[in-house]
Amino acid sequence: MTIGDRLREERNRLGMIQADAAKACGLGYTTYLGYEKGERFPGADALQKLHEFGFDVLYVVTGVRNGSALSNEDCSLLADLNQADEKGRALAVTMMRSLLDTYKRLS
């Protein structure tokens, strides 16, 4: 399996389309498409940005899954959270913590 194959696999795992992945790493669509086709390879900056959106970059580069990788649902939730602006993220985190505190008290 190639780096491009693993990029595609990670993108699909996160429920993203190619245009979303290109935007996530700050690249044009055709550049990202070249990554998945194996015509070019992502640099460190692109890999860092993909990591921020939930991609298991260790897996993309080496083919070895990160033992601490999140579930698909968790990764998808984090990817959505990362797409929100600072105010939206702060609101989401505050609400989640409040819900979890309430759940703990009721359990």
Protein backbone atom coordinates (compact mmCIF):
# COMPACT_ATOMS: atom_id res chain seq x y z
CA MET A 1 0.00 0.00 0.00
CA THR A 2 1.36 3.45 -0.94
CA ILE A 3 1.30 6.76 0.90
CA GLY A 4 -1.44 7.88 -1.49
CA ASP A 5 -3.51 4.79 -0.67
CA ARG A 6 -3.14 5.42 3.04
CA LEU A 7 -4.03 9.11 2.63
CA ARG A 8 -7.21 8.05 0.82
CA GLU A 9 -7.96 5.50 3.54
CA GLU A 10 -7.53 8.09 6.30
CA ARG A 11 -9.62 10.65 4.43
CA ASN A 12 -12.41 8.11 4.02
CA ARG A 13 -12.12 7.07 7.67
CA LEU A 14 -12.74 10.68 8.65
CA GLY A 15 -15.65 11.03 6.24
CA MET A 16 -13.95 13.72 4.18
CA ILE A 17 -14.02 14.28 0.42
CA GLN A 18 -10.84 15.17 -1.44
CA ALA A 19 -11.74 18.86 -1.57
CA ASP A 20 -12.09 18.90 2.23
CA ALA A 21 -8.68 17.24 2.69
CA ALA A 22 -7.08 19.70 0.27
CA LYS A 23 -8.58 22.61 2.21
CA ALA A 24 -7.49 21.06 5.52
CA CYS A 25 -3.86 21.06 4.46
CA GLY A 26 -4.07 24.44 2.74
CA LEU A 27 -3.48 23.10 -0.77
CA GLY A 28 -5.24 23.18 -4.09
CA TYR A 29 -7.44 20.26 -5.07
CA THR A 30 -5.14 19.07 -7.86
CA THR A 31 -2.12 19.10 -5.55
CA TYR A 32 -3.91 16.96 -3.00
CA LEU A 33 -5.22 14.68 -5.74
CA GLY A 34 -1.60 14.19 -6.83
CA TYR A 35 -0.80 12.97 -3.31
CA GLU A 36 -3.50 10.32 -3.43
CA LYS A 37 -2.47 9.27 -6.94
CA GLY A 38 1.14 8.92 -5.80
CA GLU A 39 2.36 11.54 -8.29
CA ARG A 40 3.74 13.74 -5.50
CA PHE A 41 4.26 13.50 -1.76
CA PRO A 42 3.05 15.74 1.08
CA GLY A 43 5.61 17.81 2.91
CA ALA A 44 5.89 18.27 6.66
CA ASP A 45 3.59 21.32 6.68
CA ALA A 46 0.81 19.48 4.86
CA LEU A 47 1.20 16.44 7.11
CA GLN A 48 1.03 18.61 10.23
CA LYS A 49 -2.20 20.22 9.03
CA LEU A 50 -3.68 16.82 8.16
CA HIS A 51 -2.75 15.60 11.64
CA GLU A 52 -4.65 18.55 13.13
CA PHE A 53 -7.75 17.31 11.25
CA GLY A 54 -7.44 13.82 12.68
CA PHE A 55 -5.31 12.01 10.10
CA ASP A 56 -3.07 9.33 11.59
CA VAL A 57 0.08 10.74 9.97
CA LEU A 58 2.30 7.98 11.36
CA TYR A 59 0.12 5.50 9.50
CA VAL A 60 0.11 7.61 6.31
CA VAL A 61 3.91 7.78 6.23
CA THR A 62 4.91 4.37 7.59
CA GLY A 63 1.88 2.12 7.29
CA VAL A 64 1.97 1.52 11.05
CA ARG A 65 -1.09 2.58 13.01
CA ASN A 66 -0.58 4.87 15.96
CA GLY A 67 -1.50 2.83 19.03
CA SER A 68 -3.23 5.86 20.50
CA ALA A 69 -5.30 6.56 17.39
CA LEU A 70 -8.83 7.68 18.09
CA SER A 71 -11.94 5.87 16.93
CA ASN A 72 -13.56 6.95 13.66
CA GLU A 73 -16.35 8.67 15.57
CA ASP A 74 -13.89 10.56 17.81
CA CYS A 75 -11.78 11.59 14.82
CA SER A 76 -14.82 12.81 12.94
CA LEU A 77 -15.96 14.83 15.96
CA LEU A 78 -12.50 16.38 16.37
CA ALA A 79 -12.32 17.20 12.67
CA ASP A 80 -15.66 19.03 12.96
CA LEU A 81 -14.41 20.82 16.07
CA ASN A 82 -11.21 21.89 14.28
CA GLN A 83 -13.26 23.44 11.48
CA ALA A 84 -15.06 25.75 13.91
CA ASP A 85 -13.69 29.17 14.73
CA GLU A 86 -12.21 29.91 18.16
CA LYS A 87 -15.54 31.02 19.63
CA GLY A 88 -17.33 27.93 18.30
CA ARG A 89 -14.64 25.61 19.69
CA ALA A 90 -14.81 27.27 23.11
CA LEU A 91 -18.60 26.93 23.15
CA ALA A 92 -18.45 23.25 22.10
CA VAL A 93 -15.84 22.40 24.75
CA THR A 94 -17.81 24.20 27.48
CA MET A 95 -21.01 22.40 26.52
CA MET A 96 -19.30 19.00 26.34
CA ARG A 97 -17.72 19.44 29.77
CA SER A 98 -21.04 20.49 31.24
CA LEU A 99 -22.80 17.46 29.74
CA LEU A 100 -20.08 15.10 31.01
CA ASP A 101 -20.22 16.61 34.52
CA THR A 102 -24.00 16.14 34.56
CA TYR A 103 -23.64 12.55 33.32
CA LYS A 104 -21.08 11.75 36.04
CA ARG A 105 -23.36 13.14 38.74
CA LEU A 106 -26.31 11.09 37.47
CA SER A 107 -24.32 7.85 37.16
